[in-house]
PDB file of N, CA and C in Angstrom:
ATOM      1  N   MET A   1      -0.183  30.166  -7.078  1.00  0.00           N
ATOM      2  CA  MET A   1       0.512  29.656  -8.236  1.00  0.00           C
ATOM      3  C   MET A   1       0.882  28.204  -7.997  1.00  0.00           C
ATOM      4  N   ALA A   2       0.558  27.355  -8.932  1.00  0.00           N
ATOM      5  CA  ALA A   2       0.834  25.925  -8.799  1.00  0.00           C
ATOM      6  C   ALA A   2       2.318  25.649  -9.031  1.00  0.00           C
ATOM      7  N   ARG A   3       2.843  24.734  -8.287  1.00  0.00           N
ATOM      8  CA  ARG A   3       4.225  24.287  -8.509  1.00  0.00           C
ATOM      9  C   ARG A   3       4.193  23.223  -9.584  1.00  0.00           C
ATOM     10  N   ARG A   4       5.266  23.126 -10.354  1.00  0.00           N
ATOM     11  CA  ARG A   4       5.363  22.133 -11.411  1.00  0.00           C
ATOM     12  C   ARG A   4       6.290  21.015 -10.959  1.00  0.00           C
ATOM     13  N   LEU A   5       5.954  19.812 -11.406  1.00  0.00           N
ATOM     14  CA  LEU A   5       6.777  18.652 -11.084  1.00  0.00           C
ATOM     15  C   LEU A   5       7.958  18.577 -12.048  1.00  0.00           C
ATOM     16  N   THR A   6       9.112  18.256 -11.528  1.00  0.00           N
ATOM     17  CA  THR A   6      10.302  18.074 -12.356  1.00  0.00           C
ATOM     18  C   THR A   6      10.587  16.596 -12.582  1.00  0.00           C
ATOM     19  N   ALA A   7       9.852  15.750 -11.891  1.00  0.00           N
ATOM     20  CA  ALA A   7      10.013  14.300 -12.017  1.00  0.00           C
ATOM     21  C   ALA A   7       8.657  13.643 -11.827  1.00  0.00           C
ATOM     22  N   GLY A   8       8.522  12.453 -12.378  1.00  0.00           N
ATOM     23  CA  GLY A   8       7.298  11.696 -12.151  1.00  0.00           C
ATOM     24  C   GLY A   8       7.308  11.104 -10.750  1.00  0.00           C
ATOM     25  N   VAL A   9       6.178  11.145 -10.098  1.00  0.00           N
ATOM     26  CA  VAL A   9       6.061  10.593  -8.749  1.00  0.00           C
ATOM     27  C   VAL A   9       4.742   9.851  -8.614  1.00  0.00           C
ATOM     28  N   VAL A  10       4.702   8.918  -7.697  1.00  0.00           N
ATOM     29  CA  VAL A  10       3.470   8.210  -7.358  1.00  0.00           C
ATOM     30  C   VAL A  10       3.151   8.525  -5.907  1.00  0.00           C
ATOM     31  N   VAL A  11       1.931   9.002  -5.682  1.00  0.00           N
ATOM     32  CA  VAL A  11       1.467   9.304  -4.324  1.00  0.00           C
ATOM     33  C   VAL A  11       0.096   8.682  -4.134  1.00  0.00           C
ATOM     34  N   ARG A  12      -0.268   8.440  -2.903  1.00  0.00           N
ATOM     35  CA  ARG A  12      -1.616   7.931  -2.606  1.00  0.00           C
ATOM     36  C   ARG A  12      -2.562   9.106  -2.446  1.00  0.00           C
ATOM     37  N   HIS A  13      -3.665   9.064  -3.150  1.00  0.00           N
ATOM     38  CA  HIS A  13      -4.675  10.115  -3.023  1.00  0.00           C
ATOM     39  C   HIS A  13      -5.208  10.065  -1.593  1.00  0.00           C
ATOM     40  N   PRO A  14      -5.214  11.197  -0.878  1.00  0.00           N
ATOM     41  CA  PRO A  14      -5.631  11.175   0.523  1.00  0.00           C
ATOM     42  C   PRO A  14      -7.099  10.814   0.721  1.00  0.00           C
ATOM     43  N   GLY A  15      -7.933  11.036  -0.273  1.00  0.00           N
ATOM     44  CA  GLY A  15      -9.353  10.713  -0.145  1.00  0.00           C
ATOM     45  C   GLY A  15      -9.657   9.246  -0.369  1.00  0.00           C
ATOM     46  N   SER A  16      -8.994   8.656  -1.370  1.00  0.00           N
ATOM     47  CA  SER A  16      -9.319   7.282  -1.753  1.00  0.00           C
ATOM     48  C   SER A  16      -8.251   6.266  -1.371  1.00  0.00           C
ATOM     49  N   GLY A  17      -7.020   6.742  -1.149  1.00  0.00           N
ATOM     50  CA  GLY A  17      -5.922   5.821  -0.863  1.00  0.00           C
ATOM     51  C   GLY A  17      -5.363   5.152  -2.103  1.00  0.00           C
ATOM     52  N   VAL A  18      -5.904   5.494  -3.267  1.00  0.00           N
ATOM     53  CA  VAL A  18      -5.476   4.889  -4.528  1.00  0.00           C
ATOM     54  C   VAL A  18      -4.172   5.563  -4.990  1.00  0.00           C
ATOM     55  N   PRO A  19      -3.159   4.774  -5.404  1.00  0.00           N
ATOM     56  CA  PRO A  19      -1.941   5.371  -5.926  1.00  0.00           C
ATOM     57  C   PRO A  19      -2.238   6.147  -7.218  1.00  0.00           C
ATOM     58  N   VAL A  20      -1.643   7.331  -7.331  1.00  0.00           N
ATOM     59  CA  VAL A  20      -1.844   8.190  -8.498  1.00  0.00           C
ATOM     60  C   VAL A  20      -0.476   8.592  -9.026  1.00  0.00           C
ATOM     61  N   PHE A  21      -0.267   8.431 -10.346  1.00  0.00           N
ATOM     62  CA  PHE A  21       0.971   8.870 -10.971  1.00  0.00           C
ATOM     63  C   PHE A  21       0.813  10.327 -11.377  1.00  0.00           C
ATOM     64  N   LEU A  22       1.759  11.144 -10.953  1.00  0.00           N
ATOM     65  CA  LEU A  22       1.803  12.546 -11.344  1.00  0.00           C
ATOM     66  C   LEU A  22       2.982  12.708 -12.293  1.00  0.00           C
ATOM     67  N   ALA A  23       2.688  13.112 -13.518  1.00  0.00           N
ATOM     68  CA  ALA A  23       3.691  13.158 -14.577  1.00  0.00           C
ATOM     69  C   ALA A  23       4.632  14.350 -14.434  1.00  0.00           C
ATOM     70  N   PRO A  24       5.883  14.182 -14.903  1.00  0.00           N
ATOM     71  CA  PRO A  24       6.791  15.326 -14.904  1.00  0.00           C
ATOM     72  C   PRO A  24       6.235  16.434 -15.788  1.00  0.00           C
ATOM     73  N   GLU A  25       6.550  17.655 -15.432  1.00  0.00           N
ATOM     74  CA  GLU A  25       6.117  18.860 -16.151  1.00  0.00           C
ATOM     75  C   GLU A  25       4.630  19.148 -15.998  1.00  0.00           C
ATOM     76  N   SER A  26       3.948  18.443 -15.092  1.00  0.00           N
ATOM     77  CA  SER A  26       2.541  18.753 -14.820  1.00  0.00           C
ATOM     78  C   SER A  26       2.469  19.601 -13.552  1.00  0.00           C
ATOM     79  N   ASP A  27       1.337  20.284 -13.378  1.00  0.00           N
ATOM     80  CA  ASP A  27       1.130  21.076 -12.168  1.00  0.00           C
ATOM     81  C   ASP A  27       0.821  20.148 -11.002  1.00  0.00           C
ATOM     82  N   LEU A  28       1.333  20.491  -9.833  1.00  0.00           N
ATOM     83  CA  LEU A  28       1.046  19.726  -8.621  1.00  0.00           C
ATOM     84  C   LEU A  28      -0.385  20.015  -8.195  1.00  0.00           C
ATOM     85  N   PRO A  29      -1.250  18.989  -8.128  1.00  0.00           N
ATOM     86  CA  PRO A  29      -2.625  19.237  -7.685  1.00  0.00           C
ATOM     87  C   PRO A  29      -2.652  19.691  -6.227  1.00  0.00           C
ATOM     88  N   ASP A  30      -3.642  20.505  -5.892  1.00  0.00           N
ATOM     89  CA  ASP A  30      -3.753  20.999  -4.508  1.00  0.00           C
ATOM     90  C   ASP A  30      -3.802  19.858  -3.504  1.00  0.00           C
ATOM     91  N   TRP A  31      -4.495  18.780  -3.843  1.00  0.00           N
ATOM     92  CA  TRP A  31      -4.640  17.680  -2.895  1.00  0.00           C
ATOM     93  C   TRP A  31      -3.306  16.976  -2.619  1.00  0.00           C
ATOM     94  N   ALA A  32      -2.333  17.141  -3.510  1.00  0.00           N
ATOM     95  CA  ALA A  32      -1.044  16.468  -3.346  1.00  0.00           C
ATOM     96  C   ALA A  32      -0.014  17.348  -2.644  1.00  0.00           C
ATOM     97  N   SER A  33      -0.402  18.557  -2.291  1.00  0.00           N
ATOM     98  CA  SER A  33       0.506  19.457  -1.601  1.00  0.00           C
ATOM     99  C   SER A  33       0.942  18.809  -0.288  1.00  0.00           C
ATOM    100  N   GLY A  34       2.216  18.755  -0.060  1.00  0.00           N
ATOM    101  CA  GLY A  34       2.747  18.125   1.145  1.00  0.00           C
ATOM    102  C   GLY A  34       3.047  16.650   0.981  1.00  0.00           C
ATOM    103  N   LEU A  35       2.605  16.055  -0.135  1.00  0.00           N
ATOM    104  CA  LEU A  35       2.877  14.639  -0.377  1.00  0.00           C
ATOM    105  C   LEU A  35       4.090  14.437  -1.274  1.00  0.00           C
ATOM    106  N   VAL A  36       4.516  15.497  -1.935  1.00  0.00           N
ATOM    107  CA  VAL A  36       5.641  15.434  -2.867  1.00  0.00           C
ATOM    108  C   VAL A  36       6.774  16.275  -2.302  1.00  0.00           C
ATOM    109  N   GLY A  37       7.951  15.680  -2.217  1.00  0.00           N
ATOM    110  CA  GLY A  37       9.099  16.391  -1.686  1.00  0.00           C
ATOM    111  C   GLY A  37       9.571  17.509  -2.598  1.00  0.00           C
ATOM    112  N   ALA A  38      10.241  18.467  -2.005  1.00  0.00           N
ATOM    113  CA  ALA A  38      10.740  19.626  -2.759  1.00  0.00           C
ATOM    114  C   ALA A  38      11.707  19.210  -3.862  1.00  0.00           C
ATOM    115  N   HIS A  39      12.361  18.063  -3.707  1.00  0.00           N
ATOM    116  CA  HIS A  39      13.316  17.612  -4.712  1.00  0.00           C
ATOM    117  C   HIS A  39      12.647  17.316  -6.058  1.00  0.00           C
ATOM    118  N   ALA A  40      11.326  17.110  -6.061  1.00  0.00           N
ATOM    119  CA  ALA A  40      10.607  16.791  -7.304  1.00  0.00           C
ATOM    120  C   ALA A  40       9.779  17.970  -7.801  1.00  0.00           C
ATOM    121  N   LEU A  41       9.991  19.144  -7.227  1.00  0.00           N
ATOM    122  CA  LEU A  41       9.237  20.337  -7.614  1.00  0.00           C
ATOM    123  C   LEU A  41      10.180  21.384  -8.185  1.00  0.00           C
ATOM    124  N   ASP A  42       9.646  22.178  -9.125  1.00  0.00           N
ATOM    125  CA  ASP A  42      10.464  23.212  -9.746  1.00  0.00           C
ATOM    126  C   ASP A  42      10.696  24.380  -8.799  1.00  0.00           C
ATOM    127  N   GLY A  43      11.628  25.189  -9.188  1.00  0.00           N
ATOM    128  CA  GLY A  43      11.893  26.412  -8.438  1.00  0.00           C
ATOM    129  C   GLY A  43      12.781  26.171  -7.243  1.00  0.00           C
ATOM    130  N   ASP A  44      13.526  27.173  -6.958  1.00  0.00           N
ATOM    131  CA  ASP A  44      14.393  27.121  -5.789  1.00  0.00           C
ATOM    132  C   ASP A  44      13.614  27.559  -4.567  1.00  0.00           C
ATOM    133  N   LEU A  45      13.779  26.835  -3.513  1.00  0.00           N
ATOM    134  CA  LEU A  45      13.169  27.239  -2.251  1.00  0.00           C
ATOM    135  C   LEU A  45      14.037  28.291  -1.592  1.00  0.00           C
ATOM    136  N   PRO A  46      13.420  29.215  -0.897  1.00  0.00           N
ATOM    137  CA  PRO A  46      14.235  30.131  -0.093  1.00  0.00           C
ATOM    138  C   PRO A  46      14.881  29.332   1.040  1.00  0.00           C
ATOM    139  N   ASP A  47      15.869  29.928   1.667  1.00  0.00           N
ATOM    140  CA  ASP A  47      16.466  29.281   2.836  1.00  0.00           C
ATOM    141  C   ASP A  47      15.399  29.168   3.916  1.00  0.00           C
ATOM    142  N   PRO A  48      15.414  28.059   4.652  1.00  0.00           N
ATOM    143  CA  PRO A  48      14.419  27.931   5.728  1.00  0.00           C
ATOM    144  C   PRO A  48      14.667  28.974   6.815  1.00  0.00           C
ATOM    145  N   PRO A  49      13.599  29.417   7.467  1.00  0.00           N
ATOM    146  CA  PRO A  49      13.780  30.343   8.589  1.00  0.00           C
ATOM    147  C   PRO A  49      14.526  29.642   9.723  1.00  0.00           C
ATOM    148  N   PRO A  50      15.111  30.420  10.624  1.00  0.00           N
ATOM    149  CA  PRO A  50      15.729  29.783  11.790  1.00  0.00           C
ATOM    150  C   PRO A  50      14.659  29.116  12.652  1.00  0.00           C
ATOM    151  N   GLN A  51      15.047  28.092  13.384  1.00  0.00           N
ATOM    152  CA  GLN A  51      14.086  27.399  14.242  1.00  0.00           C
ATOM    153  C   GLN A  51      13.943  28.077  15.604  1.00  0.00           C
ATOM    154  N   HIS A  52      14.873  28.950  15.944  1.00  0.00           N
ATOM    155  CA  HIS A  52      14.830  29.650  17.234  1.00  0.00           C
ATOM    156  C   HIS A  52      15.335  31.069  17.042  1.00  0.00           C
ATOM    157  N   GLY A  53      14.867  31.982  17.870  1.00  0.00           N
ATOM    158  CA  GLY A  53      15.361  33.351  17.855  1.00  0.00           C
ATOM    159  C   GLY A  53      14.712  34.212  16.788  1.00  0.00           C
ATOM    160  N   ALA A  54      15.391  35.293  16.441  1.00  0.00           N
ATOM    161  CA  ALA A  54      14.868  36.261  15.480  1.00  0.00           C
ATOM    162  C   ALA A  54      14.590  35.598  14.133  1.00  0.00           C
ATOM    163  N   GLY A  55      13.427  35.895  13.575  1.00  0.00           N
ATOM    164  CA  GLY A  55      13.065  35.364  12.261  1.00  0.00           C
ATOM    165  C   GLY A  55      12.452  33.982  12.278  1.00  0.00           C
ATOM    166  N   SER A  56      12.184  33.438  13.471  1.00  0.00           N
ATOM    167  CA  SER A  56      11.671  32.065  13.568  1.00  0.00           C
ATOM    168  C   SER A  56      10.174  32.013  13.844  1.00  0.00           C
ATOM    169  N   SER A  57       9.452  33.053  13.444  1.00  0.00           N
ATOM    170  CA  SER A  57       8.025  33.141  13.773  1.00  0.00           C
ATOM    171  C   SER A  57       7.183  32.094  13.032  1.00  0.00           C
ATOM    172  N   LYS A  58       5.994  31.892  13.556  1.00  0.00           N
ATOM    173  CA  LYS A  58       5.038  30.994  12.903  1.00  0.00           C
ATOM    174  C   LYS A  58       4.759  31.480  11.482  1.00  0.00           C
ATOM    175  N   THR A  59       4.633  32.798  11.311  1.00  0.00           N
ATOM    176  CA  THR A  59       4.354  33.358   9.979  1.00  0.00           C
ATOM    177  C   THR A  59       5.485  33.056   9.008  1.00  0.00           C
ATOM    178  N   ALA A  60       6.721  33.196   9.459  1.00  0.00           N
ATOM    179  CA  ALA A  60       7.870  32.905   8.596  1.00  0.00           C
ATOM    180  C   ALA A  60       7.859  31.446   8.173  1.00  0.00           C
ATOM    181  N   TRP A  61       7.561  30.549   9.111  1.00  0.00           N
ATOM    182  CA  TRP A  61       7.522  29.128   8.791  1.00  0.00           C
ATOM    183  C   TRP A  61       6.323  28.777   7.909  1.00  0.00           C
ATOM    184  N   ALA A  62       5.191  29.430   8.142  1.00  0.00           N
ATOM    185  CA  ALA A  62       4.012  29.179   7.297  1.00  0.00           C
ATOM    186  C   ALA A  62       4.277  29.624   5.865  1.00  0.00           C
ATOM    187  N   ASP A  63       4.929  30.766   5.685  1.00  0.00           N
ATOM    188  CA  ASP A  63       5.274  31.243   4.346  1.00  0.00           C
ATOM    189  C   ASP A  63       6.246  30.283   3.657  1.00  0.00           C
ATOM    190  N   TYR A  64       7.227  29.799   4.413  1.00  0.00           N
ATOM    191  CA  TYR A  64       8.199  28.848   3.869  1.00  0.00           C
ATOM    192  C   TYR A  64       7.513  27.551   3.463  1.00  0.00           C
ATOM    193  N   ALA A  65       6.646  27.032   4.330  1.00  0.00           N
ATOM    194  CA  ALA A  65       5.925  25.791   4.019  1.00  0.00           C
ATOM    195  C   ALA A  65       5.082  25.967   2.765  1.00  0.00           C
ATOM    196  N   SER A  66       4.426  27.086   2.643  1.00  0.00           N
ATOM    197  CA  SER A  66       3.605  27.359   1.464  1.00  0.00           C
ATOM    198  C   SER A  66       4.460  27.374   0.204  1.00  0.00           C
ATOM    199  N   ALA A  67       5.626  28.012   0.262  1.00  0.00           N
ATOM    200  CA  ALA A  67       6.526  28.061  -0.896  1.00  0.00           C
ATOM    201  C   ALA A  67       7.021  26.680  -1.281  1.00  0.00           C
ATOM    202  N   ALA A  68       7.118  25.787  -0.286  1.00  0.00           N
ATOM    203  CA  ALA A  68       7.594  24.424  -0.526  1.00  0.00           C
ATOM    204  C   ALA A  68       6.471  23.473  -0.926  1.00  0.00           C
ATOM    205  N   GLY A  69       5.239  23.958  -0.927  1.00  0.00           N
ATOM    206  CA  GLY A  69       4.114  23.108  -1.289  1.00  0.00           C
ATOM    207  C   GLY A  69       3.622  22.232  -0.160  1.00  0.00           C
ATOM    208  N   VAL A  70       3.963  22.590   1.072  1.00  0.00           N
ATOM    209  CA  VAL A  70       3.526  21.823   2.238  1.00  0.00           C
ATOM    210  C   VAL A  70       2.263  22.484   2.794  1.00  0.00           C
ATOM    211  N   ASP A  71       1.185  21.733   2.822  1.00  0.00           N
ATOM    212  CA  ASP A  71      -0.092  22.258   3.296  1.00  0.00           C
ATOM    213  C   ASP A  71      -0.182  22.084   4.806  1.00  0.00           C
ATOM    214  N   VAL A  72      -0.390  23.196   5.510  1.00  0.00           N
ATOM    215  CA  VAL A  72      -0.565  23.147   6.965  1.00  0.00           C
ATOM    216  C   VAL A  72      -1.827  23.902   7.326  1.00  0.00           C
ATOM    217  N   GLY A  73      -2.474  23.481   8.358  1.00  0.00           N
ATOM    218  CA  GLY A  73      -3.706  24.130   8.794  1.00  0.00           C
ATOM    219  C   GLY A  73      -3.442  25.488   9.416  1.00  0.00           C
ATOM    220  N   ALA A  74      -4.451  26.327   9.412  1.00  0.00           N
ATOM    221  CA  ALA A  74      -4.335  27.675   9.967  1.00  0.00           C
ATOM    222  C   ALA A  74      -4.019  27.655  11.457  1.00  0.00           C
ATOM    223  N   HIS A  75      -4.391  26.600  12.148  1.00  0.00           N
ATOM    224  CA  HIS A  75      -4.182  26.532  13.591  1.00  0.00           C
ATOM    225  C   HIS A  75      -2.911  25.773  13.976  1.00  0.00           C
ATOM    226  N   ALA A  76      -2.103  25.401  12.980  1.00  0.00           N
ATOM    227  CA  ALA A  76      -0.859  24.685  13.264  1.00  0.00           C
ATOM    228  C   ALA A  76       0.117  25.616  13.976  1.00  0.00           C
ATOM    229  N   SER A  77       0.825  25.082  14.935  1.00  0.00           N
ATOM    230  CA  SER A  77       1.850  25.867  15.624  1.00  0.00           C
ATOM    231  C   SER A  77       3.113  25.909  14.764  1.00  0.00           C
ATOM    232  N   ARG A  78       4.041  26.749  15.153  1.00  0.00           N
ATOM    233  CA  ARG A  78       5.320  26.813  14.439  1.00  0.00           C
ATOM    234  C   ARG A  78       5.989  25.447  14.436  1.00  0.00           C
ATOM    235  N   ASP A  79       5.977  24.767  15.586  1.00  0.00           N
ATOM    236  CA  ASP A  79       6.590  23.443  15.665  1.00  0.00           C
ATOM    237  C   ASP A  79       5.854  22.430  14.790  1.00  0.00           C
ATOM    238  N   ASP A  80       4.530  22.552  14.701  1.00  0.00           N
ATOM    239  CA  ASP A  80       3.755  21.672  13.816  1.00  0.00           C
ATOM    240  C   ASP A  80       4.155  21.902  12.362  1.00  0.00           C
ATOM    241  N   ILE A  81       4.356  23.166  11.997  1.00  0.00           N
ATOM    242  CA  ILE A  81       4.731  23.492  10.619  1.00  0.00           C
ATOM    243  C   ILE A  81       6.111  22.937  10.298  1.00  0.00           C
ATOM    244  N   ILE A  82       7.047  23.092  11.218  1.00  0.00           N
ATOM    245  CA  ILE A  82       8.390  22.546  11.021  1.00  0.00           C
ATOM    246  C   ILE A  82       8.310  21.029  10.861  1.00  0.00           C
ATOM    247  N   ALA A  83       7.520  20.362  11.704  1.00  0.00           N
ATOM    248  CA  ALA A  83       7.361  18.906  11.612  1.00  0.00           C
ATOM    249  C   ALA A  83       6.741  18.501  10.280  1.00  0.00           C
ATOM    250  N   ALA A  84       5.768  19.274   9.797  1.00  0.00           N
ATOM    251  CA  ALA A  84       5.139  18.965   8.508  1.00  0.00           C
ATOM    252  C   ALA A  84       6.150  19.103   7.373  1.00  0.00           C
ATOM    253  N   CYS A  85       7.006  20.112   7.454  1.00  0.00           N
ATOM    254  CA  CYS A  85       8.052  20.276   6.442  1.00  0.00           C
ATOM    255  C   CYS A  85       9.017  19.085   6.474  1.00  0.00           C
ATOM    256  N   GLN A  86       9.411  18.680   7.666  1.00  0.00           N
ATOM    257  CA  GLN A  86      10.314  17.533   7.795  1.00  0.00           C
ATOM    258  C   GLN A  86       9.667  16.266   7.251  1.00  0.00           C
ATOM    259  N   ALA A  87       8.384  16.066   7.535  1.00  0.00           N
ATOM    260  CA  ALA A  87       7.676  14.875   7.041  1.00  0.00           C
ATOM    261  C   ALA A  87       7.579  14.875   5.519  1.00  0.00           C
ATOM    262  N   ALA A  88       7.559  16.082   4.918  1.00  0.00           N
ATOM    263  CA  ALA A  88       7.478  16.201   3.458  1.00  0.00           C
ATOM    264  C   ALA A  88       8.887  16.239   2.819  1.00  0.00           C
ATOM    265  N   HIS A  89       9.909  15.999   3.636  1.00  0.00           N
ATOM    266  CA  HIS A  89      11.306  15.991   3.172  1.00  0.00           C
ATOM    267  C   HIS A  89      11.729  17.337   2.615  1.00  0.00           C
ATOM    268  N   VAL A  90      11.225  18.409   3.225  1.00  0.00           N
ATOM    269  CA  VAL A  90      11.624  19.767   2.875  1.00  0.00           C
ATOM    270  C   VAL A  90      12.690  20.184   3.881  1.00  0.00           C
ATOM    271  N   PRO A  91      13.793  20.760   3.425  1.00  0.00           N
ATOM    272  CA  PRO A  91      14.858  21.155   4.351  1.00  0.00           C
ATOM    273  C   PRO A  91      14.353  22.106   5.435  1.00  0.00           C
ATOM    274  N   THR A  92      14.795  21.883   6.661  1.00  0.00           N
ATOM    275  CA  THR A  92      14.372  22.735   7.782  1.00  0.00           C
ATOM    276  C   THR A  92      15.554  23.328   8.533  1.00  0.00           C
ATOM    277  N   ASP A  93      16.746  23.084   8.081  1.00  0.00           N
ATOM    278  CA  ASP A  93      17.915  23.706   8.725  1.00  0.00           C
ATOM    279  C   ASP A  93      18.993  23.992   7.724  1.00  0.00           C
TER     280      ASP A  93
END
Protein backbone atom coordinates (compact mmCIF):
# COMPACT_ATOMS: atom_id res chain seq x y z
CA MET A 1 0.00 0.00 0.00
CA ALA A 2 1.41 3.36 -1.01
CA ARG A 3 1.81 6.07 1.59
CA ARG A 4 0.30 9.46 0.81
CA LEU A 5 2.09 12.76 1.17
CA THR A 6 0.62 15.29 3.57
CA ALA A 7 2.92 18.06 2.37
CA GLY A 8 4.73 19.00 -0.80
CA VAL A 9 8.37 17.99 -0.84
CA VAL A 10 11.30 18.20 -3.23
CA VAL A 11 13.65 15.23 -3.46
CA ARG A 12 16.42 14.28 -5.86
CA HIS A 13 15.57 11.33 -8.07
CA PRO A 14 18.15 8.65 -7.19
CA GLY A 15 18.60 7.63 -10.83
CA SER A 16 19.05 11.04 -12.43
CA GLY A 17 19.85 13.38 -9.53
CA VAL A 18 17.21 15.77 -10.86
CA PRO A 19 15.08 17.51 -8.20
CA VAL A 20 11.46 16.31 -8.32
CA PHE A 21 8.47 17.99 -6.66
CA LEU A 22 6.08 15.55 -5.02
CA ALA A 23 2.69 17.18 -4.48
CA PRO A 24 0.66 16.95 -1.29
CA GLU A 25 -2.08 14.30 -1.36
CA SER A 26 -0.19 12.27 -3.98
CA ASP A 27 1.09 8.72 -3.49
CA LEU A 28 4.75 8.37 -2.54
CA PRO A 29 6.53 6.76 -5.51
CA ASP A 30 8.47 3.59 -4.73
CA TRP A 31 11.72 5.22 -5.81
CA ALA A 32 11.24 7.97 -3.20
CA SER A 33 10.81 5.57 -0.30
CA GLY A 34 13.32 6.55 2.36
CA LEU A 35 13.85 10.01 0.87
CA VAL A 36 10.81 11.59 2.52
CA GLY A 37 10.58 11.89 6.27
CA ALA A 38 7.67 10.44 8.21
CA HIS A 39 6.57 13.98 9.10
CA ALA A 40 5.41 14.46 5.47
CA LEU A 41 3.58 11.12 5.18
CA ASP A 42 0.07 10.20 6.23
CA GLY A 43 -0.81 7.75 8.91
CA ASP A 44 0.50 7.24 12.34
CA LEU A 45 3.62 5.20 12.72
CA PRO A 46 3.68 2.50 15.33
CA ASP A 47 6.09 3.02 18.19
CA PRO A 48 9.61 2.05 17.17
CA PRO A 49 10.86 -1.31 18.44
CA PRO A 50 13.40 -1.25 21.25
CA GLN A 51 17.01 -1.04 20.10
CA HIS A 52 18.16 -3.70 22.59
CA GLY A 53 16.64 -6.68 24.36
CA ALA A 54 13.26 -8.30 23.82
CA GLY A 55 11.43 -7.11 20.72
CA SER A 56 14.52 -5.60 19.07
CA SER A 57 14.87 -8.16 16.28
CA LYS A 58 15.88 -7.42 12.72
CA THR A 59 12.37 -8.47 11.64
CA ALA A 60 10.74 -6.00 14.03
CA TRP A 61 12.94 -3.19 12.71
CA ALA A 62 12.40 -4.20 9.08
CA ASP A 63 8.62 -4.13 9.60
CA TYR A 64 8.87 -0.72 11.27
CA ALA A 65 11.06 0.67 8.47
CA SER A 66 8.60 -0.61 5.88
CA ALA A 67 5.68 1.05 7.70
CA ALA A 68 7.66 4.31 7.73
CA GLY A 69 8.43 4.12 4.01
CA VAL A 70 12.14 3.49 4.53
CA ASP A 71 13.53 1.11 1.92
CA VAL A 72 16.21 -1.26 3.22
CA GLY A 73 17.85 -4.17 1.49
CA ALA A 74 17.11 -7.76 2.43
CA HIS A 75 20.67 -8.21 3.67
CA ALA A 76 20.68 -5.12 5.91
CA SER A 77 21.46 -5.80 9.54
CA ARG A 78 19.28 -4.55 12.37
CA ASP A 79 21.79 -1.76 13.00
CA ASP A 80 21.76 -0.86 9.28
CA ILE A 81 17.97 -0.63 9.39
CA ILE A 82 18.04 1.60 12.47
CA ALA A 83 20.64 3.83 10.76
CA ALA A 84 18.49 4.03 7.61
CA CYS A 85 15.50 5.09 9.70
CA GLN A 86 17.59 7.76 11.42
CA ALA A 87 18.89 9.02 8.06
CA ALA A 88 15.27 9.29 6.85
CA HIS A 89 14.36 11.27 10.01
CA VAL A 90 12.08 8.49 11.25
CA PRO A 91 11.91 8.23 15.06
CA THR A 92 14.03 5.39 16.45
CA ASP A 93 13.58 5.81 20.19
